[in-house]
Amino acid sequence: MDMESHLLFFFSAIGAFNGFLLSIYFACVAKTKRFSNYYLAFLLFVLSIRVIKSVFYHFLPDLSGVFIQFGLSACLLIGPFLYLYLKRFTTDKPVNWAIHVLPFSFSVTLLGFLFPYWSYKTMWSPWMLGVIYNIWLAYLIYSFKYVFPILKRSWQKKKVDSLEFWVLSIYFGVFIIWLAYYYGVYVSYIVGALSFSFVLYLAVLLLIFKSFKKTSFFKAQTKYKGKAISSDTIRALESSFAVLKEKELYLNPKFTIDELAKELNFSKHLLSQYFNERLKKSFSTYINELRIEKAKELLQSGKKYTIEGIGYESGFNSKSTFFTLFKKTTGQTPSQYQSSL
């Protein structure tokens, strides 16, 4: 291969290799052991198989038909695992994975046994390949309902946390890869593999950038330097915060630090400094902690709320945000916390 081919091979294969590593990480190493991570691991695994098959098929066209058939079979499971990951991430209820995975796995295995790729190439391509891509597309369309609420909040310029941002990246990344493979026959077969590498690294880089952007340590140190809050002011602030808790102002999902400043008759700047210097947390973190405490009260009350309803009653405008923050704060999902009572 010439230099250009070497570079093309490297950039198309590196994504698949890192996809395999990430699938192992989410399945075995990730600190948060949740089923959504396992579904994400399988999603990355089948995507990586599909991509590595494309890479070798492009550079080694005489590749064994068994490997090609294995890659196409893995492609059939991309849609189901994407759906399972998104549904499990946004709900606390168990997902019946078997009805989405086993029928496809059994069908493609039986089909490969009865009509192997190396003997029925014209049947597999384009006919079976078309069926596989259409099933993938159907799951993309069906899964959109799980990312639409996050997109809606983003369009309304409401806060989207890092985990939700990651979910959006996964969904649209898989959609871009589907487009690349579906229309790749009109340009080059390697486009799908290159798209996977591009999407994978772009999602990771954007997530890292978003995390760094949220860091306010250096900004806070410079902003408040030489402007310490007096003891009398701190006592006045702490007394005034009783109003926030008594009126349960934090139950309003759109409650802002500007509204708190107006209610307590303090400047927004002073409140921001108090949260950062005295409490060592942001305003949103403080408010969400109060909402979690409210949710725990409702879970203990015995009233007939759904878990999702408790999230909304506690001031959260997204069930995925509620589940994520509750698990992060208490170490349990809302259902697990309620069962432990």
C-alpha atoms as a PDB file:
ATOM      1  CA  MET A   1       0.000   0.000   0.000  1.00  0.00           C
ATOM      2  CA  ASP A   2       1.118   3.574  -0.670  1.00  0.00           C
ATOM      3  CA  MET A   3       1.241   6.293   2.005  1.00  0.00           C
ATOM      4  CA  GLU A   4      -2.298   7.467   1.277  1.00  0.00           C
ATOM      5  CA  SER A   5      -3.667   3.926   1.648  1.00  0.00           C
ATOM      6  CA  HIS A   6      -1.739   3.436   4.900  1.00  0.00           C
ATOM      7  CA  LEU A   7      -3.285   6.594   6.360  1.00  0.00           C
ATOM      8  CA  LEU A   8      -6.748   5.598   5.175  1.00  0.00           C
ATOM      9  CA  PHE A   9      -6.349   2.165   6.751  1.00  0.00           C
ATOM     10  CA  PHE A  10      -5.072   3.662  10.018  1.00  0.00           C
ATOM     11  CA  PHE A  11      -7.861   6.225  10.473  1.00  0.00           C
ATOM     12  CA  SER A  12     -10.615   3.782   9.528  1.00  0.00           C
ATOM     13  CA  ALA A  13      -9.270   0.951  11.734  1.00  0.00           C
ATOM     14  CA  ILE A  14      -8.383   3.031  14.802  1.00  0.00           C
ATOM     15  CA  GLY A  15     -12.061   3.781  15.464  1.00  0.00           C
ATOM     16  CA  ALA A  16     -12.962   0.091  15.471  1.00  0.00           C
ATOM     17  CA  PHE A  17     -10.057  -0.726  17.773  1.00  0.00           C
ATOM     18  CA  ASN A  18     -11.049   1.965  20.268  1.00  0.00           C
ATOM     19  CA  GLY A  19     -14.676   0.901  19.942  1.00  0.00           C
ATOM     20  CA  PHE A  20     -13.660  -2.568  21.170  1.00  0.00           C
ATOM     21  CA  LEU A  21     -11.740  -1.010  24.080  1.00  0.00           C
ATOM     22  CA  LEU A  22     -14.695   1.175  25.057  1.00  0.00           C
ATOM     23  CA  SER A  23     -17.065  -1.796  24.920  1.00  0.00           C
ATOM     24  CA  ILE A  24     -14.795  -3.661  27.360  1.00  0.00           C
ATOM     25  CA  TYR A  25     -14.615  -0.571  29.581  1.00  0.00           C
ATOM     26  CA  PHE A  26     -18.389  -0.098  29.806  1.00  0.00           C
ATOM     27  CA  ALA A  27     -18.977  -3.815  30.372  1.00  0.00           C
ATOM     28  CA  CYS A  28     -16.244  -4.528  32.924  1.00  0.00           C
ATOM     29  CA  VAL A  29     -14.439  -1.448  34.218  1.00  0.00           C
ATOM     30  CA  ALA A  30     -16.944   1.429  34.473  1.00  0.00           C
ATOM     31  CA  LYS A  31     -17.566   2.406  38.104  1.00  0.00           C
ATOM     32  CA  THR A  32     -21.301   2.830  37.560  1.00  0.00           C
ATOM     33  CA  LYS A  33     -22.671  -0.682  37.116  1.00  0.00           C
ATOM     34  CA  ARG A  34     -25.975  -0.119  35.347  1.00  0.00           C
ATOM     35  CA  PHE A  35     -27.701  -2.076  32.615  1.00  0.00           C
ATOM     36  CA  SER A  36     -27.548   0.867  30.218  1.00  0.00           C
ATOM     37  CA  ASN A  37     -23.740   0.537  30.308  1.00  0.00           C
ATOM     38  CA  TYR A  38     -23.970  -3.118  29.301  1.00  0.00           C
ATOM     39  CA  TYR A  39     -26.244  -2.272  26.381  1.00  0.00           C
ATOM     40  CA  LEU A  40     -23.838   0.485  25.365  1.00  0.00           C
ATOM     41  CA  ALA A  41     -20.971  -2.019  25.530  1.00  0.00           C
ATOM     42  CA  PHE A  42     -22.809  -4.407  23.190  1.00  0.00           C
ATOM     43  CA  LEU A  43     -23.723  -1.518  20.878  1.00  0.00           C
ATOM     44  CA  LEU A  44     -20.082  -0.454  20.545  1.00  0.00           C
ATOM     45  CA  PHE A  45     -19.042  -4.100  20.133  1.00  0.00           C
ATOM     46  CA  VAL A  46     -21.377  -4.841  17.191  1.00  0.00           C
ATOM     47  CA  LEU A  47     -20.559  -1.463  15.616  1.00  0.00           C
ATOM     48  CA  SER A  48     -16.845  -2.249  15.873  1.00  0.00           C
ATOM     49  CA  ILE A  49     -17.338  -5.670  14.283  1.00  0.00           C
ATOM     50  CA  ARG A  50     -19.263  -4.074  11.420  1.00  0.00           C
ATOM     51  CA  VAL A  51     -16.602  -1.418  10.940  1.00  0.00           C
ATOM     52  CA  ILE A  52     -13.582  -3.741  11.097  1.00  0.00           C
ATOM     53  CA  LYS A  53     -15.276  -5.984   8.527  1.00  0.00           C
ATOM     54  CA  SER A  54     -15.614  -2.946   6.225  1.00  0.00           C
ATOM     55  CA  VAL A  55     -11.959  -2.033   6.709  1.00  0.00           C
ATOM     56  CA  PHE A  56     -10.625  -5.459   5.826  1.00  0.00           C
ATOM     57  CA  TYR A  57     -13.105  -5.918   2.984  1.00  0.00           C
ATOM     58  CA  HIS A  58     -11.945  -2.623   1.449  1.00  0.00           C
ATOM     59  CA  PHE A  59      -8.239  -3.389   1.704  1.00  0.00           C
ATOM     60  CA  LEU A  60      -8.465  -7.198   1.383  1.00  0.00           C
ATOM     61  CA  PRO A  61     -11.323  -7.883  -1.062  1.00  0.00           C
ATOM     62  CA  ASP A  62     -10.557 -11.618  -1.066  1.00  0.00           C
ATOM     63  CA  LEU A  63     -11.408 -11.810   2.614  1.00  0.00           C
ATOM     64  CA  SER A  64     -13.134 -14.996   3.796  1.00  0.00           C
ATOM     65  CA  GLY A  65     -16.910 -14.996   3.324  1.00  0.00           C
ATOM     66  CA  VAL A  66     -17.337 -16.203   6.911  1.00  0.00           C
ATOM     67  CA  PHE A  67     -15.856 -12.958   8.244  1.00  0.00           C
ATOM     68  CA  ILE A  68     -17.997 -10.876   5.896  1.00  0.00           C
ATOM     69  CA  GLN A  69     -21.147 -12.725   6.960  1.00  0.00           C
ATOM     70  CA  PHE A  70     -20.217 -12.265  10.630  1.00  0.00           C
ATOM     71  CA  GLY A  71     -19.835  -8.512  10.093  1.00  0.00           C
ATOM     72  CA  LEU A  72     -23.185  -8.197   8.312  1.00  0.00           C
ATOM     73  CA  SER A  73     -24.874 -10.270  11.048  1.00  0.00           C
ATOM     74  CA  ALA A  74     -23.508  -7.941  13.732  1.00  0.00           C
ATOM     75  CA  CYS A  75     -24.969  -5.022  11.785  1.00  0.00           C
ATOM     76  CA  LEU A  76     -28.462  -6.428  12.377  1.00  0.00           C
ATOM     77  CA  LEU A  77     -28.062  -5.938  16.149  1.00  0.00           C
ATOM     78  CA  ILE A  78     -26.940  -2.288  16.067  1.00  0.00           C
ATOM     79  CA  GLY A  79     -30.509  -0.939  16.040  1.00  0.00           C
ATOM     80  CA  PRO A  80     -31.809  -3.182  18.866  1.00  0.00           C
ATOM     81  CA  PHE A  81     -28.872  -2.396  21.172  1.00  0.00           C
ATOM     82  CA  LEU A  82     -29.218   1.352  20.490  1.00  0.00           C
ATOM     83  CA  TYR A  83     -32.897   1.147  21.419  1.00  0.00           C
ATOM     84  CA  LEU A  84     -32.180  -0.883  24.580  1.00  0.00           C
ATOM     85  CA  TYR A  85     -29.463   1.557  25.679  1.00  0.00           C
ATOM     86  CA  LEU A  86     -31.606   4.662  25.202  1.00  0.00           C
ATOM     87  CA  LYS A  87     -34.681   3.142  26.842  1.00  0.00           C
ATOM     88  CA  ARG A  88     -32.743   1.800  29.841  1.00  0.00           C
ATOM     89  CA  PHE A  89     -30.932   5.111  30.277  1.00  0.00           C
ATOM     90  CA  THR A  90     -34.151   7.142  30.381  1.00  0.00           C
ATOM     91  CA  THR A  91     -36.267   4.806  32.511  1.00  0.00           C
ATOM     92  CA  ASP A  92     -35.766   2.972  35.774  1.00  0.00           C
ATOM     93  CA  LYS A  93     -37.878   0.023  34.651  1.00  0.00           C
ATOM     94  CA  PRO A  94     -36.379  -3.283  33.412  1.00  0.00           C
ATOM     95  CA  VAL A  95     -36.238  -3.707  29.638  1.00  0.00           C
ATOM     96  CA  ASN A  96     -37.150  -6.990  27.946  1.00  0.00           C
ATOM     97  CA  TRP A  97     -33.973  -7.303  25.907  1.00  0.00           C
ATOM     98  CA  ALA A  98     -34.686 -10.849  24.739  1.00  0.00           C
ATOM     99  CA  ILE A  99     -37.529  -9.918  22.367  1.00  0.00           C
ATOM    100  CA  HIS A 100     -35.261  -7.416  20.607  1.00  0.00           C
ATOM    101  CA  VAL A 101     -32.064  -9.477  20.465  1.00  0.00           C
ATOM    102  CA  LEU A 102     -32.845 -13.194  20.357  1.00  0.00           C
ATOM    103  CA  PRO A 103     -35.196 -13.267  17.308  1.00  0.00           C
ATOM    104  CA  PHE A 104     -32.687 -11.337  15.167  1.00  0.00           C
ATOM    105  CA  SER A 105     -29.749 -13.374  16.448  1.00  0.00           C
ATOM    106  CA  PHE A 106     -31.539 -16.657  15.754  1.00  0.00           C
ATOM    107  CA  SER A 107     -32.788 -15.546  12.322  1.00  0.00           C
ATOM    108  CA  VAL A 108     -29.449 -14.272  11.033  1.00  0.00           C
ATOM    109  CA  THR A 109     -27.648 -17.358  12.378  1.00  0.00           C
ATOM    110  CA  LEU A 110     -30.115 -19.712  10.695  1.00  0.00           C
ATOM    111  CA  LEU A 111     -29.992 -17.693   7.485  1.00  0.00           C
ATOM    112  CA  GLY A 112     -26.199 -17.788   7.494  1.00  0.00           C
ATOM    113  CA  PHE A 113     -26.281 -21.562   7.969  1.00  0.00           C
ATOM    114  CA  LEU A 114     -28.844 -22.222   5.217  1.00  0.00           C
ATOM    115  CA  PHE A 115     -27.648 -19.543   2.782  1.00  0.00           C
ATOM    116  CA  PRO A 116     -23.963 -18.768   3.521  1.00  0.00           C
ATOM    117  CA  TYR A 117     -22.618 -15.537   2.117  1.00  0.00           C
ATOM    118  CA  TRP A 118     -19.868 -17.153   0.025  1.00  0.00           C
ATOM    119  CA  SER A 119     -22.440 -19.244  -1.857  1.00  0.00           C
ATOM    120  CA  TYR A 120     -25.301 -16.718  -2.084  1.00  0.00           C
ATOM    121  CA  LYS A 121     -23.580 -13.360  -2.539  1.00  0.00           C
ATOM    122  CA  THR A 122     -26.317 -11.999  -4.803  1.00  0.00           C
ATOM    123  CA  MET A 123     -28.934 -12.762  -2.148  1.00  0.00           C
ATOM    124  CA  TRP A 124     -26.986 -11.132   0.667  1.00  0.00           C
ATOM    125  CA  SER A 125     -26.079  -8.086  -1.372  1.00  0.00           C
ATOM    126  CA  PRO A 126     -28.126  -6.103  -2.049  1.00  0.00           C
ATOM    127  CA  TRP A 127     -31.281  -7.885  -0.824  1.00  0.00           C
ATOM    128  CA  MET A 128     -30.367  -9.012   2.695  1.00  0.00           C
ATOM    129  CA  LEU A 129     -28.174  -5.969   3.197  1.00  0.00           C
ATOM    130  CA  GLY A 130     -31.170  -3.778   2.362  1.00  0.00           C
ATOM    131  CA  VAL A 131     -33.310  -5.594   4.955  1.00  0.00           C
ATOM    132  CA  ILE A 132     -30.590  -5.200   7.596  1.00  0.00           C
ATOM    133  CA  TYR A 133     -30.205  -1.445   6.964  1.00  0.00           C
ATOM    134  CA  ASN A 134     -33.988  -0.929   7.011  1.00  0.00           C
ATOM    135  CA  ILE A 135     -34.285  -2.716  10.385  1.00  0.00           C
ATOM    136  CA  TRP A 136     -31.458  -0.493  11.666  1.00  0.00           C
ATOM    137  CA  LEU A 137     -33.339   2.586  10.382  1.00  0.00           C
ATOM    138  CA  ALA A 138     -36.622   1.416  11.953  1.00  0.00           C
ATOM    139  CA  TYR A 139     -34.951   1.207  15.371  1.00  0.00           C
ATOM    140  CA  LEU A 140     -33.387   4.659  14.853  1.00  0.00           C
ATOM    141  CA  ILE A 141     -36.818   6.132  14.173  1.00  0.00           C
ATOM    142  CA  TYR A 142     -38.437   4.256  17.070  1.00  0.00           C
ATOM    143  CA  SER A 143     -35.650   5.294  19.467  1.00  0.00           C
ATOM    144  CA  PHE A 144     -35.981   8.981  18.640  1.00  0.00           C
ATOM    145  CA  LYS A 145     -38.702   9.396  21.285  1.00  0.00           C
ATOM    146  CA  TYR A 146     -36.075   8.869  23.991  1.00  0.00           C
ATOM    147  CA  VAL A 147     -33.793  11.672  22.791  1.00  0.00           C
ATOM    148  CA  PHE A 148     -36.527  14.105  21.754  1.00  0.00           C
ATOM    149  CA  PRO A 149     -37.121  15.465  25.318  1.00  0.00           C
ATOM    150  CA  ILE A 150     -33.383  16.210  25.629  1.00  0.00           C
ATOM    151  CA  LEU A 151     -33.368  17.903  22.214  1.00  0.00           C
ATOM    152  CA  LYS A 152     -36.440  19.912  23.155  1.00  0.00           C
ATOM    153  CA  ARG A 153     -34.789  21.244  26.301  1.00  0.00           C
ATOM    154  CA  SER A 154     -31.682  22.068  24.284  1.00  0.00           C
ATOM    155  CA  TRP A 155     -33.732  24.036  21.743  1.00  0.00           C
ATOM    156  CA  GLN A 156     -35.377  25.886  24.640  1.00  0.00           C
ATOM    157  CA  LYS A 157     -31.864  26.705  25.921  1.00  0.00           C
ATOM    158  CA  LYS A 158     -32.440  24.745  29.117  1.00  0.00           C
ATOM    159  CA  LYS A 159     -29.644  22.899  30.875  1.00  0.00           C
ATOM    160  CA  VAL A 160     -28.532  19.575  29.373  1.00  0.00           C
ATOM    161  CA  ASP A 161     -26.143  17.633  31.612  1.00  0.00           C
ATOM    162  CA  SER A 162     -23.064  15.754  30.397  1.00  0.00           C
ATOM    163  CA  LEU A 163     -24.703  12.314  30.467  1.00  0.00           C
ATOM    164  CA  GLU A 164     -27.634  13.531  28.380  1.00  0.00           C
ATOM    165  CA  PHE A 165     -25.187  15.199  25.993  1.00  0.00           C
ATOM    166  CA  TRP A 166     -23.388  11.848  25.674  1.00  0.00           C
ATOM    167  CA  VAL A 167     -26.708  10.107  24.890  1.00  0.00           C
ATOM    168  CA  LEU A 168     -27.412  12.628  22.110  1.00  0.00           C
ATOM    169  CA  SER A 169     -23.916  12.013  20.729  1.00  0.00           C
ATOM    170  CA  ILE A 170     -24.485   8.244  20.706  1.00  0.00           C
ATOM    171  CA  TYR A 171     -27.848   8.520  18.941  1.00  0.00           C
ATOM    172  CA  PHE A 172     -26.811  10.960  16.242  1.00  0.00           C
ATOM    173  CA  GLY A 173     -23.445   9.247  15.874  1.00  0.00           C
ATOM    174  CA  VAL A 174     -25.177   5.936  15.079  1.00  0.00           C
ATOM    175  CA  PHE A 175     -27.499   7.789  12.705  1.00  0.00           C
ATOM    176  CA  ILE A 176     -24.536   9.334  10.845  1.00  0.00           C
ATOM    177  CA  ILE A 177     -22.879   5.909  10.595  1.00  0.00           C
ATOM    178  CA  TRP A 178     -26.123   4.465   9.185  1.00  0.00           C
ATOM    179  CA  LEU A 179     -26.194   7.233   6.567  1.00  0.00           C
ATOM    180  CA  ALA A 180     -22.570   6.573   5.682  1.00  0.00           C
ATOM    181  CA  TYR A 181     -23.162   2.852   5.148  1.00  0.00           C
ATOM    182  CA  TYR A 182     -26.536   3.196   3.450  1.00  0.00           C
ATOM    183  CA  TYR A 183     -25.252   5.706   0.907  1.00  0.00           C
ATOM    184  CA  GLY A 184     -21.655   4.460   0.937  1.00  0.00           C
ATOM    185  CA  VAL A 185     -22.341   2.267  -2.098  1.00  0.00           C
ATOM    186  CA  TYR A 186     -22.557   5.446  -4.158  1.00  0.00           C
ATOM    187  CA  VAL A 187     -19.177   6.803  -3.029  1.00  0.00           C
ATOM    188  CA  SER A 188     -16.820   4.403  -1.259  1.00  0.00           C
ATOM    189  CA  TYR A 189     -17.397   1.423   1.026  1.00  0.00           C
ATOM    190  CA  ILE A 190     -14.780   2.700   3.493  1.00  0.00           C
ATOM    191  CA  VAL A 191     -16.836   5.845   4.256  1.00  0.00           C
ATOM    192  CA  GLY A 192     -18.809   4.011   6.972  1.00  0.00           C
ATOM    193  CA  ALA A 193     -15.638   2.976   8.800  1.00  0.00           C
ATOM    194  CA  LEU A 194     -14.179   6.481   8.588  1.00  0.00           C
ATOM    195  CA  SER A 195     -17.477   7.913   9.857  1.00  0.00           C
ATOM    196  CA  PHE A 196     -17.361   5.654  12.911  1.00  0.00           C
ATOM    197  CA  SER A 197     -13.841   6.832  13.777  1.00  0.00           C
ATOM    198  CA  PHE A 198     -14.824  10.468  13.252  1.00  0.00           C
ATOM    199  CA  VAL A 199     -18.055  10.248  15.261  1.00  0.00           C
ATOM    200  CA  LEU A 200     -16.426   8.337  18.129  1.00  0.00           C
ATOM    201  CA  TYR A 201     -13.621  10.833  18.630  1.00  0.00           C
ATOM    202  CA  LEU A 202     -15.847  13.855  18.074  1.00  0.00           C
ATOM    203  CA  ALA A 203     -18.309  12.645  20.752  1.00  0.00           C
ATOM    204  CA  VAL A 204     -15.512  12.060  23.264  1.00  0.00           C
ATOM    205  CA  LEU A 205     -13.849  15.425  22.530  1.00  0.00           C
ATOM    206  CA  LEU A 206     -17.137  17.332  22.790  1.00  0.00           C
ATOM    207  CA  LEU A 207     -17.938  15.626  26.088  1.00  0.00           C
ATOM    208  CA  ILE A 208     -14.499  16.516  27.468  1.00  0.00           C
ATOM    209  CA  PHE A 209     -14.881  20.111  26.268  1.00  0.00           C
ATOM    210  CA  LYS A 210     -18.326  20.374  27.859  1.00  0.00           C
ATOM    211  CA  SER A 211     -16.958  19.046  31.159  1.00  0.00           C
ATOM    212  CA  PHE A 212     -14.069  21.521  31.159  1.00  0.00           C
ATOM    213  CA  LYS A 213     -16.391  24.346  30.243  1.00  0.00           C
ATOM    214  CA  LYS A 214     -18.455  23.643  33.364  1.00  0.00           C
ATOM    215  CA  THR A 215     -15.413  23.940  35.620  1.00  0.00           C
ATOM    216  CA  SER A 216     -15.580  27.268  37.422  1.00  0.00           C
ATOM    217  CA  PHE A 217     -12.643  26.940  39.837  1.00  0.00           C
ATOM    218  CA  PHE A 218     -10.239  29.335  38.117  1.00  0.00           C
ATOM    219  CA  LYS A 219     -12.998  31.752  37.210  1.00  0.00           C
ATOM    220  CA  ALA A 220     -14.310  31.821  40.785  1.00  0.00           C
ATOM    221  CA  GLN A 221     -10.840  32.345  42.273  1.00  0.00           C
ATOM    222  CA  THR A 222     -10.231  35.397  40.090  1.00  0.00           C
ATOM    223  CA  LYS A 223     -13.733  36.817  40.271  1.00  0.00           C
ATOM    224  CA  TYR A 224     -14.036  36.894  44.061  1.00  0.00           C
ATOM    225  CA  LYS A 225     -10.431  37.578  44.980  1.00  0.00           C
ATOM    226  CA  GLY A 226     -10.162  40.258  47.691  1.00  0.00           C
ATOM    227  CA  LYS A 227     -13.938  40.460  48.213  1.00  0.00           C
ATOM    228  CA  ALA A 228     -14.588  38.232  51.221  1.00  0.00           C
ATOM    229  CA  ILE A 229     -18.125  38.077  52.584  1.00  0.00           C
ATOM    230  CA  SER A 230     -18.462  39.474  56.107  1.00  0.00           C
ATOM    231  CA  SER A 231     -19.618  37.292  59.003  1.00  0.00           C
ATOM    232  CA  ASP A 232     -22.783  39.381  59.450  1.00  0.00           C
ATOM    233  CA  THR A 233     -23.687  38.921  55.787  1.00  0.00           C
ATOM    234  CA  ILE A 234     -23.118  35.167  56.010  1.00  0.00           C
ATOM    235  CA  ARG A 235     -25.432  34.935  59.028  1.00  0.00           C
ATOM    236  CA  ALA A 236     -28.060  37.003  57.217  1.00  0.00           C
ATOM    237  CA  LEU A 237     -27.807  34.774  54.148  1.00  0.00           C
ATOM    238  CA  GLU A 238     -28.104  31.578  56.168  1.00  0.00           C
ATOM    239  CA  SER A 239     -31.178  32.931  57.977  1.00  0.00           C
ATOM    240  CA  SER A 240     -32.751  33.990  54.678  1.00  0.00           C
ATOM    241  CA  PHE A 241     -32.274  30.538  53.143  1.00  0.00           C
ATOM    242  CA  ALA A 242     -34.987  29.285  55.506  1.00  0.00           C
ATOM    243  CA  VAL A 243     -37.433  31.125  53.217  1.00  0.00           C
ATOM    244  CA  LEU A 244     -36.207  29.087  50.245  1.00  0.00           C
ATOM    245  CA  LYS A 245     -36.858  25.836  52.096  1.00  0.00           C
ATOM    246  CA  GLU A 246     -40.082  26.933  53.794  1.00  0.00           C
ATOM    247  CA  LYS A 247     -41.723  28.108  50.567  1.00  0.00           C
ATOM    248  CA  GLU A 248     -40.153  25.204  48.621  1.00  0.00           C
ATOM    249  CA  LEU A 249     -39.215  27.575  45.827  1.00  0.00           C
ATOM    250  CA  TYR A 250     -36.875  24.939  44.415  1.00  0.00           C
ATOM    251  CA  LEU A 251     -39.871  22.843  43.312  1.00  0.00           C
ATOM    252  CA  ASN A 252     -40.219  25.182  40.353  1.00  0.00           C
ATOM    253  CA  PRO A 253     -38.184  23.476  37.560  1.00  0.00           C
ATOM    254  CA  LYS A 254     -37.360  26.900  36.092  1.00  0.00           C
ATOM    255  CA  PHE A 255     -36.194  28.420  39.375  1.00  0.00           C
ATOM    256  CA  THR A 256     -33.086  30.564  38.834  1.00  0.00           C
ATOM    257  CA  ILE A 257     -30.518  32.330  40.972  1.00  0.00           C
ATOM    258  CA  ASP A 258     -32.002  35.654  39.784  1.00  0.00           C
ATOM    259  CA  GLU A 259     -35.366  34.698  41.287  1.00  0.00           C
ATOM    260  CA  LEU A 260     -33.668  33.634  44.517  1.00  0.00           C
ATOM    261  CA  ALA A 261     -31.832  36.965  44.681  1.00  0.00           C
ATOM    262  CA  LYS A 262     -35.105  38.825  44.225  1.00  0.00           C
ATOM    263  CA  GLU A 263     -36.882  36.700  46.851  1.00  0.00           C
ATOM    264  CA  LEU A 264     -34.146  37.077  49.484  1.00  0.00           C
ATOM    265  CA  ASN A 265     -33.317  40.682  48.583  1.00  0.00           C
ATOM    266  CA  PHE A 266     -29.620  39.964  47.963  1.00  0.00           C
ATOM    267  CA  SER A 267     -27.603  40.578  44.829  1.00  0.00           C
ATOM    268  CA  LYS A 268     -27.070  37.719  42.392  1.00  0.00           C
ATOM    269  CA  HIS A 269     -23.306  38.309  42.593  1.00  0.00           C
ATOM    270  CA  LEU A 270     -23.306  37.931  46.395  1.00  0.00           C
ATOM    271  CA  LEU A 271     -25.334  34.707  46.229  1.00  0.00           C
ATOM    272  CA  SER A 272     -23.027  33.283  43.578  1.00  0.00           C
ATOM    273  CA  GLN A 273     -19.995  34.097  45.731  1.00  0.00           C
ATOM    274  CA  TYR A 274     -21.665  32.532  48.778  1.00  0.00           C
ATOM    275  CA  PHE A 275     -22.380  29.277  46.932  1.00  0.00           C
ATOM    276  CA  ASN A 276     -18.877  29.027  45.464  1.00  0.00           C
ATOM    277  CA  GLU A 277     -16.817  30.137  48.483  1.00  0.00           C
ATOM    278  CA  ARG A 278     -18.889  29.142  51.502  1.00  0.00           C
ATOM    279  CA  LEU A 279     -20.788  26.057  50.305  1.00  0.00           C
ATOM    280  CA  LYS A 280     -18.193  24.953  47.720  1.00  0.00           C
ATOM    281  CA  LYS A 281     -20.907  24.143  45.203  1.00  0.00           C
ATOM    282  CA  SER A 282     -22.860  25.814  42.430  1.00  0.00           C
ATOM    283  CA  PHE A 283     -26.389  27.154  42.742  1.00  0.00           C
ATOM    284  CA  SER A 284     -27.771  24.352  40.538  1.00  0.00           C
ATOM    285  CA  THR A 285     -26.039  21.687  42.645  1.00  0.00           C
ATOM    286  CA  TYR A 286     -27.493  23.165  45.849  1.00  0.00           C
ATOM    287  CA  ILE A 287     -31.018  23.321  44.390  1.00  0.00           C
ATOM    288  CA  ASN A 288     -30.814  19.776  43.043  1.00  0.00           C
ATOM    289  CA  GLU A 289     -29.727  18.526  46.482  1.00  0.00           C
ATOM    290  CA  LEU A 290     -32.878  20.074  47.964  1.00  0.00           C
ATOM    291  CA  ARG A 291     -34.935  18.405  45.240  1.00  0.00           C
ATOM    292  CA  ILE A 292     -33.364  15.029  46.003  1.00  0.00           C
ATOM    293  CA  GLU A 293     -34.243  15.457  49.689  1.00  0.00           C
ATOM    294  CA  LYS A 294     -37.825  16.278  48.673  1.00  0.00           C
ATOM    295  CA  ALA A 295     -37.907  13.166  46.472  1.00  0.00           C
ATOM    296  CA  LYS A 296     -36.707  11.033  49.391  1.00  0.00           C
ATOM    297  CA  GLU A 297     -39.528  12.458  51.541  1.00  0.00           C
ATOM    298  CA  LEU A 298     -42.100  11.563  48.875  1.00  0.00           C
ATOM    299  CA  LEU A 299     -40.656   8.058  48.497  1.00  0.00           C
ATOM    300  CA  GLN A 300     -40.967   7.584  52.257  1.00  0.00           C
ATOM    301  CA  SER A 301     -44.473   9.060  52.461  1.00  0.00           C
ATOM    302  CA  GLY A 302     -46.228   5.999  51.055  1.00  0.00           C
ATOM    303  CA  LYS A 303     -48.350   8.167  48.744  1.00  0.00           C
ATOM    304  CA  LYS A 304     -49.255   6.626  45.405  1.00  0.00           C
ATOM    305  CA  TYR A 305     -46.836   8.393  43.096  1.00  0.00           C
ATOM    306  CA  THR A 306     -45.055   6.827  40.164  1.00  0.00           C
ATOM    307  CA  ILE A 307     -41.281   7.120  40.283  1.00  0.00           C
ATOM    308  CA  GLU A 308     -41.427   9.485  37.319  1.00  0.00           C
ATOM    309  CA  GLY A 309     -44.160  11.506  39.056  1.00  0.00           C
ATOM    310  CA  ILE A 310     -41.993  11.899  42.155  1.00  0.00           C
ATOM    311  CA  GLY A 311     -39.240  13.378  39.972  1.00  0.00           C
ATOM    312  CA  TYR A 312     -41.604  16.001  38.592  1.00  0.00           C
ATOM    313  CA  GLU A 313     -43.129  16.688  42.029  1.00  0.00           C
ATOM    314  CA  SER A 314     -39.615  17.290  43.363  1.00  0.00           C
ATOM    315  CA  GLY A 315     -38.846  19.979  40.783  1.00  0.00           C
ATOM    316  CA  PHE A 316     -37.043  18.017  38.059  1.00  0.00           C
ATOM    317  CA  ASN A 317     -38.179  18.648  34.489  1.00  0.00           C
ATOM    318  CA  SER A 318     -36.618  15.447  33.136  1.00  0.00           C
ATOM    319  CA  LYS A 319     -36.926  11.905  34.444  1.00  0.00           C
ATOM    320  CA  SER A 320     -33.461  11.033  33.113  1.00  0.00           C
ATOM    321  CA  THR A 321     -31.931  13.923  35.079  1.00  0.00           C
ATOM    322  CA  PHE A 322     -33.858  12.838  38.174  1.00  0.00           C
ATOM    323  CA  PHE A 323     -32.687   9.206  37.932  1.00  0.00           C
ATOM    324  CA  THR A 324     -29.080  10.212  37.240  1.00  0.00           C
ATOM    325  CA  LEU A 325     -28.787  12.737  40.099  1.00  0.00           C
ATOM    326  CA  PHE A 326     -30.661  10.531  42.573  1.00  0.00           C
ATOM    327  CA  LYS A 327     -28.323   7.605  41.854  1.00  0.00           C
ATOM    328  CA  LYS A 328     -25.279   9.881  42.053  1.00  0.00           C
ATOM    329  CA  THR A 329     -26.387  11.362  45.398  1.00  0.00           C
ATOM    330  CA  THR A 330     -27.711   8.278  47.187  1.00  0.00           C
ATOM    331  CA  GLY A 331     -25.916   5.437  45.419  1.00  0.00           C
ATOM    332  CA  GLN A 332     -29.315   3.884  44.613  1.00  0.00           C
ATOM    333  CA  THR A 333     -32.002   4.320  41.984  1.00  0.00           C
ATOM    334  CA  PRO A 334     -35.326   5.738  43.269  1.00  0.00           C
ATOM    335  CA  SER A 335     -36.881   2.247  43.080  1.00  0.00           C
ATOM    336  CA  GLN A 336     -34.000   0.679  44.997  1.00  0.00           C
ATOM    337  CA  TYR A 337     -34.213   3.437  47.641  1.00  0.00           C
ATOM    338  CA  GLN A 338     -37.940   2.902  48.046  1.00  0.00           C
ATOM    339  CA  SER A 339     -37.493  -0.881  48.329  1.00  0.00           C
ATOM    340  CA  SER A 340     -34.822  -0.437  51.002  1.00  0.00           C
ATOM    341  CA  LEU A 341     -37.345   1.394  53.195  1.00  0.00           C
END
